[in-house]
């Protein structure tokens, strides 16, 4: 039996860093392709639930996650803003943002 692969989440840059203004702010990313299918939706919902108001994350999915988006909308309603950043064909990347 192989050990589960860790989920990679890239943290967002912290405020108060250097002042050179040359850094590109990145969203923390959750790559759903690395999460076992049996727990994928639960893990993503949990990650979105942990976002404070006004924060956002990027979700990378192996397909257009329409069933997941329906779940997220039913749970978070208008509190969650969803925008596609990349639409396939290899992966879909979405920005999930909690409204302040």
PDB file of N, CA and C in Angstrom:
ATOM      1  N   UNK A   1       0.847  -1.178   0.000  1.00  0.00           N
ATOM      2  CA  UNK A   1       0.000   0.000   0.000  1.00  0.00           C
ATOM      3  C   UNK A   1       0.891   1.241   0.000  1.00  0.00           C
ATOM      4  N   UNK A   2       0.618   2.154  -0.886  1.00  0.00           N
ATOM      5  CA  UNK A   2       1.430   3.363  -0.966  1.00  0.00           C
ATOM      6  C   UNK A   2       0.866   4.433  -0.056  1.00  0.00           C
ATOM      7  N   UNK A   3       1.746   5.257   0.433  1.00  0.00           N
ATOM      8  CA  UNK A   3       1.339   6.355   1.316  1.00  0.00           C
ATOM      9  C   UNK A   3       0.624   7.420   0.498  1.00  0.00           C
ATOM     10  N   UNK A   4      -0.386   8.082   1.065  1.00  0.00           N
ATOM     11  CA  UNK A   4      -1.078   9.149   0.331  1.00  0.00           C
ATOM     12  C   UNK A   4      -0.122  10.296   0.037  1.00  0.00           C
ATOM     13  N   UNK A   5      -0.327  10.893  -1.101  1.00  0.00           N
ATOM     14  CA  UNK A   5       0.495  12.022  -1.508  1.00  0.00           C
ATOM     15  C   UNK A   5       0.018  13.286  -0.801  1.00  0.00           C
ATOM     16  N   UNK A   6       0.931  14.131  -0.346  1.00  0.00           N
ATOM     17  CA  UNK A   6       0.510  15.360   0.326  1.00  0.00           C
ATOM     18  C   UNK A   6      -0.134  16.328  -0.665  1.00  0.00           C
ATOM     19  N   UNK A   7      -1.049  17.105  -0.162  1.00  0.00           N
ATOM     20  CA  UNK A   7      -1.693  18.143  -0.958  1.00  0.00           C
ATOM     21  C   UNK A   7      -0.818  19.383  -0.883  1.00  0.00           C
ATOM     22  N   UNK A   8      -0.497  19.925  -2.033  1.00  0.00           N
ATOM     23  CA  UNK A   8       0.361  21.101  -2.062  1.00  0.00           C
ATOM     24  C   UNK A   8      -0.487  22.361  -2.066  1.00  0.00           C
ATOM     25  N   UNK A   9      -0.268  23.216  -1.089  1.00  0.00           N
ATOM     26  CA  UNK A   9      -0.936  24.514  -1.027  1.00  0.00           C
ATOM     27  C   UNK A   9       0.158  25.558  -0.986  1.00  0.00           C
ATOM     28  N   UNK A  10       0.167  26.430  -1.975  1.00  0.00           N
ATOM     29  CA  UNK A  10       1.154  27.489  -2.041  1.00  0.00           C
ATOM     30  C   UNK A  10       0.629  28.674  -1.253  1.00  0.00           C
ATOM     31  N   UNK A  11       1.312  29.074  -0.179  1.00  0.00           N
ATOM     32  CA  UNK A  11       0.793  30.182   0.621  1.00  0.00           C
ATOM     33  C   UNK A  11       0.896  31.513  -0.108  1.00  0.00           C
ATOM     34  N   UNK A  12      -0.024  32.397   0.205  1.00  0.00           N
ATOM     35  CA  UNK A  12       0.007  33.746  -0.357  1.00  0.00           C
ATOM     36  C   UNK A  12       1.120  34.538   0.324  1.00  0.00           C
ATOM     37  N   UNK A  13       1.720  35.494  -0.392  1.00  0.00           N
ATOM     38  CA  UNK A  13       2.742  36.331   0.242  1.00  0.00           C
ATOM     39  C   UNK A  13       2.158  37.074   1.435  1.00  0.00           C
ATOM     40  N   UNK A  14       2.942  37.224   2.459  1.00  0.00           N
ATOM     41  CA  UNK A  14       2.503  37.920   3.657  1.00  0.00           C
ATOM     42  C   UNK A  14       2.652  39.432   3.489  1.00  0.00           C
ATOM     43  N   UNK A  15       1.731  40.169   4.068  1.00  0.00           N
ATOM     44  CA  UNK A  15       1.813  41.630   4.054  1.00  0.00           C
ATOM     45  C   UNK A  15       3.028  42.051   4.866  1.00  0.00           C
ATOM     46  N   UNK A  16       3.587  43.174   4.517  1.00  0.00           N
ATOM     47  CA  UNK A  16       4.718  43.690   5.269  1.00  0.00           C
ATOM     48  C   UNK A  16       6.047  43.137   4.802  1.00  0.00           C
ATOM     49  N   UNK A  17       6.060  42.461   3.655  1.00  0.00           N
ATOM     50  CA  UNK A  17       7.311  41.934   3.111  1.00  0.00           C
ATOM     51  C   UNK A  17       8.148  43.076   2.560  1.00  0.00           C
ATOM     52  N   UNK A  18       9.019  42.757   1.624  1.00  0.00           N
ATOM     53  CA  UNK A  18       9.872  43.802   1.069  1.00  0.00           C
ATOM     54  C   UNK A  18       9.029  44.814   0.292  1.00  0.00           C
ATOM     55  N   UNK A  19       9.580  45.962   0.046  1.00  0.00           N
ATOM     56  CA  UNK A  19       8.810  47.032  -0.594  1.00  0.00           C
ATOM     57  C   UNK A  19       9.277  47.305  -2.026  1.00  0.00           C
ATOM     58  N   UNK A  20       9.869  46.309  -2.677  1.00  0.00           N
ATOM     59  CA  UNK A  20      10.378  46.549  -4.030  1.00  0.00           C
ATOM     60  C   UNK A  20       9.263  46.578  -5.066  1.00  0.00           C
ATOM     61  N   UNK A  21       8.077  46.100  -4.739  1.00  0.00           N
ATOM     62  CA  UNK A  21       6.909  46.090  -5.617  1.00  0.00           C
ATOM     63  C   UNK A  21       7.138  45.286  -6.887  1.00  0.00           C
ATOM     64  N   UNK A  22       8.098  44.375  -6.868  1.00  0.00           N
ATOM     65  CA  UNK A  22       8.350  43.539  -8.033  1.00  0.00           C
ATOM     66  C   UNK A  22       7.751  42.159  -7.891  1.00  0.00           C
ATOM     67  N   UNK A  23       7.171  41.864  -6.747  1.00  0.00           N
ATOM     68  CA  UNK A  23       6.605  40.540  -6.528  1.00  0.00           C
ATOM     69  C   UNK A  23       5.178  40.498  -7.036  1.00  0.00           C
ATOM     70  N   UNK A  24       4.834  39.382  -7.661  1.00  0.00           N
ATOM     71  CA  UNK A  24       3.473  39.178  -8.126  1.00  0.00           C
ATOM     72  C   UNK A  24       2.736  38.440  -7.019  1.00  0.00           C
ATOM     73  N   UNK A  25       1.638  39.025  -6.553  1.00  0.00           N
ATOM     74  CA  UNK A  25       0.865  38.351  -5.523  1.00  0.00           C
ATOM     75  C   UNK A  25       0.182  37.142  -6.136  1.00  0.00           C
ATOM     76  N   UNK A  26       0.314  36.022  -5.484  1.00  0.00           N
ATOM     77  CA  UNK A  26      -0.300  34.802  -5.967  1.00  0.00           C
ATOM     78  C   UNK A  26      -1.335  34.322  -4.965  1.00  0.00           C
ATOM     79  N   UNK A  27      -2.346  33.680  -5.492  1.00  0.00           N
ATOM     80  CA  UNK A  27      -3.350  33.068  -4.641  1.00  0.00           C
ATOM     81  C   UNK A  27      -2.801  31.755  -4.105  1.00  0.00           C
ATOM     82  N   UNK A  28      -3.175  31.369  -2.896  1.00  0.00           N
ATOM     83  CA  UNK A  28      -2.828  30.020  -2.470  1.00  0.00           C
ATOM     84  C   UNK A  28      -3.564  29.038  -3.381  1.00  0.00           C
ATOM     85  N   UNK A  29      -2.882  27.979  -3.788  1.00  0.00           N
ATOM     86  CA  UNK A  29      -3.468  27.019  -4.725  1.00  0.00           C
ATOM     87  C   UNK A  29      -3.731  25.684  -4.047  1.00  0.00           C
ATOM     88  N   UNK A  30      -4.880  25.118  -4.358  1.00  0.00           N
ATOM     89  CA  UNK A  30      -5.215  23.771  -3.933  1.00  0.00           C
ATOM     90  C   UNK A  30      -5.378  22.947  -5.201  1.00  0.00           C
ATOM     91  N   UNK A  31      -4.500  21.981  -5.388  1.00  0.00           N
ATOM     92  CA  UNK A  31      -4.526  21.135  -6.582  1.00  0.00           C
ATOM     93  C   UNK A  31      -5.364  19.898  -6.273  1.00  0.00           C
ATOM     94  N   UNK A  32      -6.609  19.901  -6.723  1.00  0.00           N
ATOM     95  CA  UNK A  32      -7.536  18.809  -6.439  1.00  0.00           C
ATOM     96  C   UNK A  32      -7.108  17.516  -7.110  1.00  0.00           C
ATOM     97  N   UNK A  33      -6.256  17.593  -8.105  1.00  0.00           N
ATOM     98  CA  UNK A  33      -5.799  16.382  -8.783  1.00  0.00           C
ATOM     99  C   UNK A  33      -4.981  15.499  -7.848  1.00  0.00           C
ATOM    100  N   UNK A  34      -4.452  16.089  -6.770  1.00  0.00           N
ATOM    101  CA  UNK A  34      -3.628  15.343  -5.819  1.00  0.00           C
ATOM    102  C   UNK A  34      -4.432  14.752  -4.667  1.00  0.00           C
ATOM    103  N   UNK A  35      -5.719  15.082  -4.598  1.00  0.00           N
ATOM    104  CA  UNK A  35      -6.576  14.624  -3.503  1.00  0.00           C
ATOM    105  C   UNK A  35      -7.317  13.366  -3.965  1.00  0.00           C
ATOM    106  N   UNK A  36      -7.326  12.304  -3.164  1.00  0.00           N
ATOM    107  CA  UNK A  36      -8.075  11.101  -3.556  1.00  0.00           C
ATOM    108  C   UNK A  36      -9.537  11.435  -3.864  1.00  0.00           C
ATOM    109  N   UNK A  37     -10.054  10.837  -4.916  1.00  0.00           N
ATOM    110  CA  UNK A  37     -11.397  11.162  -5.393  1.00  0.00           C
ATOM    111  C   UNK A  37     -12.456  10.997  -4.306  1.00  0.00           C
ATOM    112  N   UNK A  38     -12.314   9.999  -3.455  1.00  0.00           N
ATOM    113  CA  UNK A  38     -13.324   9.717  -2.431  1.00  0.00           C
ATOM    114  C   UNK A  38     -13.503  10.848  -1.430  1.00  0.00           C
ATOM    115  N   UNK A  39     -12.490  11.674  -1.242  1.00  0.00           N
ATOM    116  CA  UNK A  39     -12.580  12.758  -0.253  1.00  0.00           C
ATOM    117  C   UNK A  39     -12.372  14.138  -0.875  1.00  0.00           C
ATOM    118  N   UNK A  40     -12.328  14.190  -2.197  1.00  0.00           N
ATOM    119  CA  UNK A  40     -11.984  15.444  -2.887  1.00  0.00           C
ATOM    120  C   UNK A  40     -12.947  16.580  -2.565  1.00  0.00           C
ATOM    121  N   UNK A  41     -14.244  16.369  -2.734  1.00  0.00           N
ATOM    122  CA  UNK A  41     -15.198  17.470  -2.508  1.00  0.00           C
ATOM    123  C   UNK A  41     -15.148  17.941  -1.062  1.00  0.00           C
ATOM    124  N   UNK A  42     -15.085  17.006  -0.126  1.00  0.00           N
ATOM    125  CA  UNK A  42     -15.027  17.379   1.281  1.00  0.00           C
ATOM    126  C   UNK A  42     -13.794  18.209   1.610  1.00  0.00           C
ATOM    127  N   UNK A  43     -12.661  17.835   1.030  1.00  0.00           N
ATOM    128  CA  UNK A  43     -11.424  18.577   1.280  1.00  0.00           C
ATOM    129  C   UNK A  43     -11.511  19.994   0.716  1.00  0.00           C
ATOM    130  N   UNK A  44     -12.084  20.127  -0.463  1.00  0.00           N
ATOM    131  CA  UNK A  44     -12.201  21.444  -1.091  1.00  0.00           C
ATOM    132  C   UNK A  44     -13.191  22.313  -0.314  1.00  0.00           C
ATOM    133  N   UNK A  45     -14.318  21.741   0.066  1.00  0.00           N
ATOM    134  CA  UNK A  45     -15.307  22.493   0.851  1.00  0.00           C
ATOM    135  C   UNK A  45     -14.683  22.953   2.165  1.00  0.00           C
ATOM    136  N   UNK A  46     -13.914  22.086   2.794  1.00  0.00           N
ATOM    137  CA  UNK A  46     -13.229  22.459   4.030  1.00  0.00           C
ATOM    138  C   UNK A  46     -12.252  23.596   3.828  1.00  0.00           C
ATOM    139  N   UNK A  47     -11.511  23.559   2.723  1.00  0.00           N
ATOM    140  CA  UNK A  47     -10.557  24.631   2.443  1.00  0.00           C
ATOM    141  C   UNK A  47     -11.278  25.957   2.220  1.00  0.00           C
ATOM    142  N   UNK A  48     -12.362  25.938   1.463  1.00  0.00           N
ATOM    143  CA  UNK A  48     -13.129  27.165   1.220  1.00  0.00           C
ATOM    144  C   UNK A  48     -13.719  27.675   2.528  1.00  0.00           C
ATOM    145  N   UNK A  49     -14.188  26.769   3.357  1.00  0.00           N
ATOM    146  CA  UNK A  49     -14.768  27.157   4.645  1.00  0.00           C
ATOM    147  C   UNK A  49     -13.748  27.886   5.520  1.00  0.00           C
ATOM    148  N   UNK A  50     -12.473  27.548   5.384  1.00  0.00           N
ATOM    149  CA  UNK A  50     -11.423  28.160   6.191  1.00  0.00           C
ATOM    150  C   UNK A  50     -11.010  29.545   5.703  1.00  0.00           C
ATOM    151  N   UNK A  51     -11.423  29.918   4.505  1.00  0.00           N
ATOM    152  CA  UNK A  51     -11.074  31.243   3.997  1.00  0.00           C
ATOM    153  C   UNK A  51     -11.782  32.317   4.817  1.00  0.00           C
ATOM    154  N   UNK A  52     -11.045  33.306   5.306  1.00  0.00           N
ATOM    155  CA  UNK A  52     -11.731  34.406   5.983  1.00  0.00           C
ATOM    156  C   UNK A  52     -12.416  35.308   4.956  1.00  0.00           C
ATOM    157  N   UNK A  53     -13.404  36.079   5.361  1.00  0.00           N
ATOM    158  CA  UNK A  53     -14.046  37.017   4.430  1.00  0.00           C
ATOM    159  C   UNK A  53     -13.006  37.914   3.759  1.00  0.00           C
ATOM    160  N   UNK A  54     -13.139  38.086   2.459  1.00  0.00           N
ATOM    161  CA  UNK A  54     -12.215  38.908   1.690  1.00  0.00           C
ATOM    162  C   UNK A  54     -11.026  38.147   1.141  1.00  0.00           C
ATOM    163  N   UNK A  55     -10.857  36.878   1.528  1.00  0.00           N
ATOM    164  CA  UNK A  55      -9.726  36.079   1.052  1.00  0.00           C
ATOM    165  C   UNK A  55     -10.160  35.214  -0.133  1.00  0.00           C
ATOM    166  N   UNK A  56      -9.167  34.724  -0.861  1.00  0.00           N
ATOM    167  CA  UNK A  56      -9.435  33.898  -2.033  1.00  0.00           C
ATOM    168  C   UNK A  56      -8.386  32.809  -2.144  1.00  0.00           C
ATOM    169  N   UNK A  57      -8.721  31.803  -2.945  1.00  0.00           N
ATOM    170  CA  UNK A  57      -7.786  30.731  -3.249  1.00  0.00           C
ATOM    171  C   UNK A  57      -8.014  30.292  -4.685  1.00  0.00           C
ATOM    172  N   UNK A  58      -7.017  29.624  -5.237  1.00  0.00           N
ATOM    173  CA  UNK A  58      -7.159  29.053  -6.568  1.00  0.00           C
ATOM    174  C   UNK A  58      -7.358  27.553  -6.416  1.00  0.00           C
ATOM    175  N   UNK A  59      -8.258  27.005  -7.197  1.00  0.00           N
ATOM    176  CA  UNK A  59      -8.510  25.577  -7.227  1.00  0.00           C
ATOM    177  C   UNK A  59      -8.102  25.059  -8.596  1.00  0.00           C
ATOM    178  N   UNK A  60      -7.301  24.009  -8.619  1.00  0.00           N
ATOM    179  CA  UNK A  60      -6.919  23.361  -9.869  1.00  0.00           C
ATOM    180  C   UNK A  60      -7.638  22.025  -9.902  1.00  0.00           C
ATOM    181  N   UNK A  61      -8.404  21.785 -10.955  1.00  0.00           N
ATOM    182  CA  UNK A  61      -9.210  20.575 -11.067  1.00  0.00           C
ATOM    183  C   UNK A  61      -8.879  19.845 -12.375  1.00  0.00           C
ATOM    184  N   UNK A  62      -9.077  18.512 -12.398  1.00  0.00           N
ATOM    185  CA  UNK A  62      -8.776  17.745 -13.604  1.00  0.00           C
ATOM    186  C   UNK A  62      -9.860  17.842 -14.671  1.00  0.00           C
ATOM    187  N   UNK A  63     -10.993  18.452 -14.340  1.00  0.00           N
ATOM    188  CA  UNK A  63     -12.108  18.613 -15.272  1.00  0.00           C
ATOM    189  C   UNK A  63     -12.909  19.831 -14.829  1.00  0.00           C
ATOM    190  N   UNK A  64     -13.858  20.244 -15.645  1.00  0.00           N
ATOM    191  CA  UNK A  64     -14.726  21.358 -15.257  1.00  0.00           C
ATOM    192  C   UNK A  64     -15.555  20.895 -14.057  1.00  0.00           C
ATOM    193  N   UNK A  65     -15.355  21.488 -12.874  1.00  0.00           N
ATOM    194  CA  UNK A  65     -15.957  20.961 -11.647  1.00  0.00           C
ATOM    195  C   UNK A  65     -17.394  21.413 -11.398  1.00  0.00           C
ATOM    196  N   UNK A  66     -18.260  21.226 -12.369  1.00  0.00           N
ATOM    197  CA  UNK A  66     -19.639  21.710 -12.250  1.00  0.00           C
ATOM    198  C   UNK A  66     -20.387  21.124 -11.048  1.00  0.00           C
ATOM    199  N   UNK A  67     -20.307  19.813 -10.772  1.00  0.00           N
ATOM    200  CA  UNK A  67     -21.005  19.300  -9.576  1.00  0.00           C
ATOM    201  C   UNK A  67     -20.466  19.924  -8.282  1.00  0.00           C
ATOM    202  N   UNK A  68     -19.164  20.102  -8.201  1.00  0.00           N
ATOM    203  CA  UNK A  68     -18.569  20.749  -7.019  1.00  0.00           C
ATOM    204  C   UNK A  68     -19.056  22.187  -6.893  1.00  0.00           C
ATOM    205  N   UNK A  69     -19.102  22.906  -7.998  1.00  0.00           N
ATOM    206  CA  UNK A  69     -19.544  24.305  -7.959  1.00  0.00           C
ATOM    207  C   UNK A  69     -20.988  24.394  -7.482  1.00  0.00           C
ATOM    208  N   UNK A  70     -21.820  23.449  -7.894  1.00  0.00           N
ATOM    209  CA  UNK A  70     -23.209  23.433  -7.417  1.00  0.00           C
ATOM    210  C   UNK A  70     -23.243  23.220  -5.904  1.00  0.00           C
ATOM    211  N   UNK A  71     -22.384  22.323  -5.408  1.00  0.00           N
ATOM    212  CA  UNK A  71     -22.312  22.101  -3.958  1.00  0.00           C
ATOM    213  C   UNK A  71     -21.857  23.365  -3.239  1.00  0.00           C
ATOM    214  N   UNK A  72     -20.814  23.991  -3.757  1.00  0.00           N
ATOM    215  CA  UNK A  72     -20.286  25.206  -3.125  1.00  0.00           C
ATOM    216  C   UNK A  72     -21.343  26.302  -3.095  1.00  0.00           C
ATOM    217  N   UNK A  73     -22.079  26.452  -4.188  1.00  0.00           N
ATOM    218  CA  UNK A  73     -23.122  27.484  -4.231  1.00  0.00           C
ATOM    219  C   UNK A  73     -24.242  27.175  -3.243  1.00  0.00           C
ATOM    220  N   UNK A  74     -24.564  25.891  -3.072  1.00  0.00           N
ATOM    221  CA  UNK A  74     -25.627  25.549  -2.123  1.00  0.00           C
ATOM    222  C   UNK A  74     -25.175  25.774  -0.682  1.00  0.00           C
ATOM    223  N   UNK A  75     -23.887  25.614  -0.409  1.00  0.00           N
ATOM    224  CA  UNK A  75     -23.373  25.797   0.949  1.00  0.00           C
ATOM    225  C   UNK A  75     -23.103  27.265   1.257  1.00  0.00           C
ATOM    226  N   UNK A  76     -22.429  27.961   0.339  1.00  0.00           N
ATOM    227  CA  UNK A  76     -21.958  29.318   0.613  1.00  0.00           C
ATOM    228  C   UNK A  76     -22.820  30.405  -0.019  1.00  0.00           C
ATOM    229  N   UNK A  77     -23.682  30.046  -0.950  1.00  0.00           N
ATOM    230  CA  UNK A  77     -24.570  31.020  -1.589  1.00  0.00           C
ATOM    231  C   UNK A  77     -23.817  32.197  -2.184  1.00  0.00           C
ATOM    232  N   UNK A  78     -24.337  33.387  -1.959  1.00  0.00           N
ATOM    233  CA  UNK A  78     -23.743  34.612  -2.507  1.00  0.00           C
ATOM    234  C   UNK A  78     -22.458  35.019  -1.789  1.00  0.00           C
ATOM    235  N   UNK A  79     -22.121  34.311  -0.722  1.00  0.00           N
ATOM    236  CA  UNK A  79     -20.905  34.624   0.029  1.00  0.00           C
ATOM    237  C   UNK A  79     -19.652  34.262  -0.772  1.00  0.00           C
ATOM    238  N   UNK A  80     -19.790  33.377  -1.775  1.00  0.00           N
ATOM    239  CA  UNK A  80     -18.645  32.890  -2.536  1.00  0.00           C
ATOM    240  C   UNK A  80     -18.715  33.359  -3.977  1.00  0.00           C
ATOM    241  N   UNK A  81     -17.636  33.953  -4.450  1.00  0.00           N
ATOM    242  CA  UNK A  81     -17.518  34.378  -5.843  1.00  0.00           C
ATOM    243  C   UNK A  81     -16.608  33.382  -6.557  1.00  0.00           C
ATOM    244  N   UNK A  82     -17.060  32.887  -7.719  1.00  0.00           N
ATOM    245  CA  UNK A  82     -16.325  31.867  -8.468  1.00  0.00           C
ATOM    246  C   UNK A  82     -16.013  32.409  -9.854  1.00  0.00           C
ATOM    247  N   UNK A  83     -14.729  32.381 -10.225  1.00  0.00           N
ATOM    248  CA  UNK A  83     -14.303  32.833 -11.546  1.00  0.00           C
ATOM    249  C   UNK A  83     -13.336  31.825 -12.151  1.00  0.00           C
ATOM    250  N   UNK A  84     -13.541  31.514 -13.420  1.00  0.00           N
ATOM    251  CA  UNK A  84     -12.617  30.636 -14.133  1.00  0.00           C
ATOM    252  C   UNK A  84     -11.389  31.436 -14.533  1.00  0.00           C
ATOM    253  N   UNK A  85     -10.211  30.880 -14.275  1.00  0.00           N
ATOM    254  CA  UNK A  85      -8.955  31.486 -14.702  1.00  0.00           C
ATOM    255  C   UNK A  85      -8.392  30.749 -15.915  1.00  0.00           C
ATOM    256  N   UNK A  86      -8.549  29.427 -15.948  1.00  0.00           N
ATOM    257  CA  UNK A  86      -8.121  28.572 -17.065  1.00  0.00           C
ATOM    258  C   UNK A  86      -9.207  27.535 -17.266  1.00  0.00           C
ATOM    259  N   UNK A  87      -9.597  27.317 -18.532  1.00  0.00           N
ATOM    260  CA  UNK A  87     -10.644  26.346 -18.839  1.00  0.00           C
ATOM    261  C   UNK A  87     -10.097  25.253 -19.734  1.00  0.00           C
ATOM    262  N   UNK A  88      -9.417  24.263 -19.135  1.00  0.00           N
ATOM    263  CA  UNK A  88      -8.934  23.080 -19.826  1.00  0.00           C
ATOM    264  C   UNK A  88      -7.924  23.358 -20.913  1.00  0.00           C
ATOM    265  N   UNK A  89      -7.590  22.376 -21.685  1.00  0.00           N
ATOM    266  CA  UNK A  89      -8.133  21.024 -21.683  1.00  0.00           C
ATOM    267  C   UNK A  89      -7.453  20.095 -20.667  1.00  0.00           C
ATOM    268  N   UNK A  90      -6.247  20.409 -20.236  1.00  0.00           N
ATOM    269  CA  UNK A  90      -5.534  19.546 -19.287  1.00  0.00           C
ATOM    270  C   UNK A  90      -6.016  19.744 -17.853  1.00  0.00           C
ATOM    271  N   UNK A  91      -6.318  20.964 -17.492  1.00  0.00           N
ATOM    272  CA  UNK A  91      -6.758  21.289 -16.134  1.00  0.00           C
ATOM    273  C   UNK A  91      -7.593  22.550 -16.175  1.00  0.00           C
ATOM    274  N   UNK A  92      -8.421  22.688 -15.173  1.00  0.00           N
ATOM    275  CA  UNK A  92      -9.223  23.892 -14.985  1.00  0.00           C
ATOM    276  C   UNK A  92      -8.712  24.571 -13.730  1.00  0.00           C
ATOM    277  N   UNK A  93      -8.614  25.892 -13.785  1.00  0.00           N
ATOM    278  CA  UNK A  93      -8.166  26.656 -12.613  1.00  0.00           C
ATOM    279  C   UNK A  93      -9.229  27.713 -12.346  1.00  0.00           C
ATOM    280  N   UNK A  94      -9.690  27.738 -11.095  1.00  0.00           N
ATOM    281  CA  UNK A  94     -10.737  28.668 -10.699  1.00  0.00           C
ATOM    282  C   UNK A  94     -10.290  29.481  -9.507  1.00  0.00           C
ATOM    283  N   UNK A  95     -10.775  30.696  -9.423  1.00  0.00           N
ATOM    284  CA  UNK A  95     -10.569  31.524  -8.264  1.00  0.00           C
ATOM    285  C   UNK A  95     -11.835  31.451  -7.435  1.00  0.00           C
ATOM    286  N   UNK A  96     -11.685  31.058  -6.177  1.00  0.00           N
ATOM    287  CA  UNK A  96     -12.788  30.996  -5.228  1.00  0.00           C
ATOM    288  C   UNK A  96     -12.543  32.071  -4.185  1.00  0.00           C
ATOM    289  N   UNK A  97     -13.425  33.053  -4.097  1.00  0.00           N
ATOM    290  CA  UNK A  97     -13.218  34.186  -3.195  1.00  0.00           C
ATOM    291  C   UNK A  97     -14.437  34.361  -2.297  1.00  0.00           C
ATOM    292  N   UNK A  98     -14.173  34.527  -1.009  1.00  0.00           N
ATOM    293  CA  UNK A  98     -15.247  34.832  -0.067  1.00  0.00           C
ATOM    294  C   UNK A  98     -15.432  36.339  -0.029  1.00  0.00           C
ATOM    295  N   UNK A  99     -16.650  36.755  -0.195  1.00  0.00           N
ATOM    296  CA  UNK A  99     -16.931  38.194  -0.136  1.00  0.00           C
ATOM    297  C   UNK A  99     -16.753  38.710   1.294  1.00  0.00           C
ATOM    298  N   UNK A 100     -16.254  39.931   1.388  1.00  0.00           N
ATOM    299  CA  UNK A 100     -16.028  40.541   2.707  1.00  0.00           C
ATOM    300  C   UNK A 100     -17.340  40.938   3.336  1.00  0.00           C
TER     301      UNK A 100
END
